[in-house]
């Protein structure tokens, strides 16, 4: 009974390791071949994470329990850190102008990152008093205009 179980675990481990290696390879190919930073981030984060997780599970199947727990912790660390790193790298690329805005379908960061100084300089008549009617009711200049 035990040799059959060992053989089954070896097959499962080999399939998981090979599948994980294939996903890692696909992520690397996407990282090299894709044209811009957002698509490269997609390839490197999604495929690489799945590849690493499958590889870790494949290795955990063949080792004793304490080592399998350590591999599980490494997998959890990957699940939490890779999306955060991808988000930070993407945001830095956007802020430094490395991302072409014409390639984006939705640009959610444009309004969020617009500086308040740019909005104030866009409307030179805005005195910041909240009265946009043009009537001066003791605004900034104290009624001296006109």
Foldseek 3Di string as FASTA:
>chain_A
DVVVVVVVLLVQLVVLLVQLVVLLVQLVCQLVPPDALVSNLVSVLPSNLSSLLSNLVSVLSPDDDVVNVVSVVVNVVSVPPSVVVSVVVVVVCVVVVRDDPVVDPDDPCPVVPDDPVVVCVVDVVCPPPPDPPPDCPLPDVGPPDD
